Amino acid sequence: MQPARPPHSLQGTRLLITGAAGGIGSAAARLCSALGAELILTDLQVTPELDRLASSLKGVMTVQACDVTQRSQVEALVHSQGEISALIDTAGICPYDDDWLSPDWNEKAFEKVMQVNLLGPINWARALLPGMIERQQGRMAFCGSVAGWMGGVRAGPHYAASKGGVHALVRWLAQRGTPHNVMVNGVAPGVIDTGMTSGHGYQAHTQPMKRLGQADEIAHVLSFLVSPGASFMAGCILDANGGILMR
């Protein structure tokens, strides 16, 4: 008899990671590579930094540029890769300099945030869910935010609304996928020390743990959600926020 597969092993998992050039996405790529996944990495652009990341990891099958707001690009990428057994979606934007109360506010900023942060996950789900249901196996893990619960502090209402939408989308997708062994879940990070938060006034001493979160700490949750260890989890949003919701 062969030994049981470790519950957090990703051996045999063909995993698509979006936003792979970002702090959380790149951390997820490094961890999932170490756990044995075959990786498909994508971001809006294939930057030299993303190329270097890919070349440093085991199991990277391809690195491709993809605009998540363009359904045709998402579908073309998925179609070109054959069977994809899991998704970690970390692509997102968070503008800070958009004065939404100004009489001159341009709602195109709102539209852009919604397109990337909410339409993007919908595009990935549309492209991947039918195949996963047909194979009766699949995992999806989406990145929400503590702002989706609390309304946020420094980011605008469009960011909070988009992440609250992601939380609702996770539950909607889970209702469709769970009967077919397609588990859809998400994580709601707190303030994480990445390029998205750097320089925007987040102070460690204001946090319950007196520090900001690290990208690796969110990657741990995401890798778990696409692993066999999360086989009985569906429609969950796991809070990884350093205790900020206790306030």
Protein backbone atom coordinates (compact mmCIF):
# COMPACT_ATOMS: atom_id res chain seq x y z
CA MET A 1 0.00 0.00 0.00
CA GLN A 2 1.30 3.44 -0.94
CA PRO A 3 1.57 6.00 1.86
CA ALA A 4 -1.29 8.48 2.12
CA ARG A 5 -0.77 11.79 0.38
CA PRO A 6 0.10 14.54 2.89
CA PRO A 7 -2.97 16.75 3.33
CA HIS A 8 -1.20 19.92 2.20
CA SER A 9 0.76 18.43 -0.69
CA LEU A 10 0.03 19.87 -4.12
CA GLN A 11 1.65 17.04 -6.06
CA GLY A 12 -0.44 16.41 -9.16
CA THR A 13 -2.18 19.80 -8.93
CA ARG A 14 -2.09 21.88 -12.09
CA LEU A 15 -2.48 25.32 -10.54
CA LEU A 16 -3.16 28.68 -12.19
CA ILE A 17 -2.02 31.71 -10.17
CA THR A 18 -3.16 35.17 -11.25
CA GLY A 19 -1.47 38.36 -10.13
CA ALA A 20 1.71 36.30 -9.93
CA ALA A 21 3.96 39.38 -10.13
CA GLY A 22 2.42 40.89 -6.99
CA GLY A 23 3.42 40.38 -3.39
CA ILE A 24 0.80 37.78 -2.46
CA GLY A 25 0.79 36.15 -5.90
CA SER A 26 4.54 35.67 -6.00
CA ALA A 27 4.55 34.35 -2.42
CA ALA A 28 1.83 31.86 -3.38
CA ALA A 29 3.86 30.78 -6.41
CA ARG A 30 6.96 30.12 -4.30
CA LEU A 31 5.05 28.16 -1.67
CA CYS A 32 2.96 26.13 -4.11
CA SER A 33 6.07 25.26 -6.11
CA ALA A 34 7.68 23.92 -2.93
CA LEU A 35 4.52 21.89 -2.27
CA GLY A 36 4.82 20.21 -5.66
CA ALA A 37 2.28 22.01 -7.85
CA GLU A 38 2.60 22.44 -11.59
CA LEU A 39 2.27 26.19 -12.07
CA ILE A 40 0.70 28.41 -14.70
CA LEU A 41 1.62 31.98 -13.80
CA THR A 42 -0.10 35.03 -15.21
CA ASP A 43 -0.23 38.78 -14.71
CA LEU A 44 -1.15 41.82 -16.75
CA GLN A 45 2.42 41.90 -18.09
CA VAL A 46 5.26 39.43 -18.06
CA THR A 47 7.86 41.61 -16.37
CA PRO A 48 11.55 40.77 -15.90
CA GLU A 49 10.78 40.25 -12.21
CA LEU A 50 8.09 37.71 -13.05
CA ASP A 51 10.43 35.94 -15.46
CA ARG A 52 13.08 35.74 -12.75
CA LEU A 53 10.56 34.36 -10.28
CA ALA A 54 9.44 31.70 -12.74
CA SER A 55 13.00 30.67 -13.58
CA SER A 56 13.76 30.21 -9.87
CA LEU A 57 10.86 27.82 -9.24
CA LYS A 58 10.25 24.15 -9.94
CA GLY A 59 7.16 23.08 -11.80
CA VAL A 60 6.45 26.26 -13.78
CA MET A 61 4.75 25.16 -16.99
CA THR A 62 4.23 28.58 -18.53
CA VAL A 63 4.20 32.31 -17.81
CA GLN A 64 1.67 34.37 -19.76
CA ALA A 65 0.34 37.89 -19.85
CA CYS A 66 -3.41 38.22 -19.43
CA ASP A 67 -5.76 41.15 -18.82
CA VAL A 68 -8.29 39.66 -16.41
CA THR A 69 -10.92 42.19 -17.46
CA GLN A 70 -10.94 40.79 -21.01
CA ARG A 71 -12.98 37.62 -21.13
CA SER A 72 -11.53 36.59 -24.47
CA GLN A 73 -7.98 36.69 -23.08
CA VAL A 74 -8.95 34.70 -19.99
CA GLU A 75 -10.75 32.06 -22.04
CA ALA A 76 -7.88 31.81 -24.55
CA LEU A 77 -5.34 31.25 -21.76
CA VAL A 78 -7.47 28.59 -20.06
CA HIS A 79 -8.16 26.85 -23.37
CA SER A 80 -4.46 26.74 -24.24
CA GLN A 81 -3.50 25.03 -20.97
CA GLY A 82 -5.71 21.96 -20.99
CA GLU A 83 -6.98 20.64 -17.66
CA ILE A 84 -6.46 23.10 -14.80
CA SER A 85 -7.28 21.59 -11.44
CA ALA A 86 -6.98 24.66 -9.20
CA LEU A 87 -7.01 28.47 -9.24
CA ILE A 88 -5.46 30.98 -6.87
CA ASP A 89 -6.67 34.42 -7.91
CA THR A 90 -4.73 37.31 -6.38
CA ALA A 91 -4.99 39.92 -9.16
CA GLY A 92 -6.35 43.21 -7.86
CA ILE A 93 -5.93 46.97 -7.69
CA CYS A 94 -6.48 49.49 -4.90
CA PRO A 95 -6.33 53.20 -5.79
CA TYR A 96 -5.71 55.63 -2.94
CA ASP A 97 -5.63 59.00 -4.70
CA ASP A 98 -9.17 58.99 -6.03
CA ASP A 99 -11.26 61.70 -4.37
CA TRP A 100 -14.68 60.16 -4.82
CA LEU A 101 -16.39 63.08 -3.03
CA SER A 102 -15.01 65.64 -5.47
CA PRO A 103 -17.54 67.27 -7.83
CA ASP A 104 -15.13 66.32 -10.64
CA TRP A 105 -14.89 62.66 -9.63
CA ASN A 106 -14.64 60.40 -12.65
CA GLU A 107 -16.61 57.21 -12.18
CA LYS A 108 -14.27 55.46 -14.58
CA ALA A 109 -12.04 54.84 -11.55
CA PHE A 110 -14.91 52.92 -9.95
CA GLU A 111 -15.47 50.97 -13.15
CA LYS A 112 -11.80 50.02 -13.41
CA VAL A 113 -11.65 48.71 -9.84
CA MET A 114 -14.81 46.67 -10.35
CA GLN A 115 -13.54 45.29 -13.65
CA VAL A 116 -10.25 44.09 -12.19
CA ASN A 117 -11.34 43.06 -8.70
CA LEU A 118 -14.76 41.57 -9.42
CA LEU A 119 -15.25 41.01 -13.14
CA GLY A 120 -11.80 39.39 -13.24
CA PRO A 121 -12.77 36.62 -10.77
CA ILE A 122 -16.04 36.14 -12.64
CA ASN A 123 -14.13 35.73 -15.92
CA TRP A 124 -11.85 33.09 -14.38
CA ALA A 125 -14.79 31.24 -12.85
CA ARG A 126 -16.69 31.25 -16.16
CA ALA A 127 -13.67 29.81 -17.94
CA LEU A 128 -12.73 27.18 -15.36
CA LEU A 129 -15.89 26.03 -13.56
CA PRO A 130 -17.51 24.01 -16.39
CA GLY A 131 -14.41 21.85 -16.89
CA MET A 132 -13.99 21.32 -13.17
CA ILE A 133 -17.63 20.29 -12.85
CA GLU A 134 -17.28 17.89 -15.78
CA ARG A 135 -14.23 16.28 -14.14
CA GLN A 136 -15.93 16.31 -10.71
CA GLN A 137 -12.85 17.85 -9.16
CA GLY A 138 -11.52 21.36 -8.65
CA ARG A 139 -10.43 24.07 -6.26
CA MET A 140 -10.71 27.85 -6.46
CA ALA A 141 -9.32 30.33 -3.92
CA PHE A 142 -10.06 34.03 -4.29
CA CYS A 143 -8.56 37.06 -2.54
CA GLY A 144 -11.13 39.21 -0.77
CA SER A 145 -10.15 41.72 1.92
CA VAL A 146 -10.93 42.77 5.45
CA ALA A 147 -12.26 45.89 3.67
CA GLY A 148 -15.02 43.66 2.33
CA TRP A 149 -16.21 43.21 5.94
CA MET A 150 -15.27 46.55 7.53
CA GLY A 151 -15.55 48.98 4.64
CA GLY A 152 -11.85 49.73 4.72
CA VAL A 153 -9.98 52.69 6.14
CA ARG A 154 -7.72 54.31 3.57
CA ALA A 155 -8.94 52.81 0.32
CA GLY A 156 -11.98 54.18 -1.48
CA PRO A 157 -15.53 52.81 -1.49
CA HIS A 158 -15.00 51.14 -4.86
CA TYR A 159 -12.29 48.88 -3.35
CA ALA A 160 -14.42 47.93 -0.34
CA ALA A 161 -17.43 47.28 -2.55
CA SER A 162 -15.41 45.15 -4.96
CA LYS A 163 -14.00 42.99 -2.18
CA GLY A 164 -17.40 42.58 -0.55
CA GLY A 165 -18.52 41.44 -3.98
CA VAL A 166 -15.75 38.86 -4.07
CA HIS A 167 -16.95 37.46 -0.74
CA ALA A 168 -20.49 37.14 -2.11
CA LEU A 169 -19.20 35.64 -5.36
CA VAL A 170 -17.30 32.96 -3.45
CA ARG A 171 -20.52 31.82 -1.81
CA TRP A 172 -22.46 31.98 -5.10
CA LEU A 173 -19.87 29.87 -6.88
CA ALA A 174 -19.61 27.45 -3.98
CA GLN A 175 -23.33 26.73 -4.21
CA ARG A 176 -22.86 25.69 -7.84
CA GLY A 177 -19.56 23.86 -7.45
CA THR A 178 -19.84 21.98 -4.16
CA PRO A 179 -22.26 19.25 -5.38
CA HIS A 180 -19.63 18.41 -8.01
CA ASN A 181 -16.60 18.36 -5.67
CA VAL A 182 -15.49 21.79 -6.85
CA MET A 183 -14.62 23.70 -3.70
CA VAL A 184 -14.64 27.50 -3.88
CA ASN A 185 -13.31 29.53 -0.96
CA GLY A 186 -11.50 32.78 -0.25
CA VAL A 187 -9.26 34.67 2.11
CA ALA A 188 -9.82 38.15 3.55
CA PRO A 189 -6.38 39.61 4.30
CA GLY A 190 -5.81 42.50 6.63
CA VAL A 191 -3.06 45.04 5.99
CA ILE A 192 -0.26 43.13 4.27
CA ASP A 193 3.20 44.58 3.72
CA THR A 194 3.26 44.60 -0.09
CA GLY A 195 3.53 47.14 -2.86
CA MET A 196 -0.23 47.73 -2.62
CA THR A 197 0.03 49.15 0.91
CA SER A 198 3.56 50.58 0.95
CA GLY A 199 3.68 54.35 1.36
CA HIS A 200 -0.01 54.73 2.18
CA GLY A 201 0.21 55.46 5.88
CA TYR A 202 -0.34 52.03 7.39
CA GLN A 203 1.53 51.91 10.71
CA ALA A 204 2.52 48.76 12.51
CA HIS A 205 1.77 50.21 15.96
CA THR A 206 -1.90 50.74 15.02
CA GLN A 207 -2.39 47.02 14.36
CA PRO A 208 -3.44 44.57 17.10
CA MET A 209 -0.30 42.49 16.54
CA LYS A 210 1.86 45.64 16.29
CA ARG A 211 2.99 44.66 12.82
CA LEU A 212 1.72 44.36 9.28
CA GLY A 213 1.01 40.97 7.78
CA GLN A 214 3.44 39.31 5.41
CA ALA A 215 2.59 38.04 1.94
CA ASP A 216 3.75 34.54 2.93
CA GLU A 217 1.09 34.47 5.65
CA ILE A 218 -1.65 34.90 3.06
CA ALA A 219 0.02 32.45 0.69
CA HIS A 220 -0.19 29.83 3.47
CA VAL A 221 -3.97 30.22 3.57
CA LEU A 222 -4.38 30.19 -0.21
CA SER A 223 -2.22 27.09 -0.66
CA PHE A 224 -4.26 25.33 2.02
CA LEU A 225 -7.53 26.18 0.29
CA VAL A 226 -6.42 24.46 -2.93
CA SER A 227 -4.95 21.45 -1.10
CA PRO A 228 -6.54 18.12 -0.13
CA GLY A 229 -6.58 19.41 3.45
CA ALA A 230 -9.47 21.74 2.56
CA SER A 231 -11.63 18.95 1.14
CA PHE A 232 -14.61 19.73 3.43
CA MET A 233 -14.51 23.51 3.06
CA ALA A 234 -16.89 25.29 0.72
CA GLY A 235 -18.04 28.91 0.55
CA CYS A 236 -15.69 30.01 3.34
CA ILE A 237 -13.90 33.34 3.64
CA LEU A 238 -10.95 32.79 5.97
CA ASP A 239 -9.93 35.87 7.94
CA ALA A 240 -6.17 36.42 8.02
CA ASN A 241 -6.06 39.96 9.36
CA GLY A 242 -3.91 39.96 12.49
CA GLY A 243 -6.94 40.45 14.72
CA ILE A 244 -8.15 43.76 13.30
CA LEU A 245 -11.76 42.50 13.21
CA MET A 246 -11.69 42.17 17.02
CA ARG A 247 -11.90 45.93 17.30
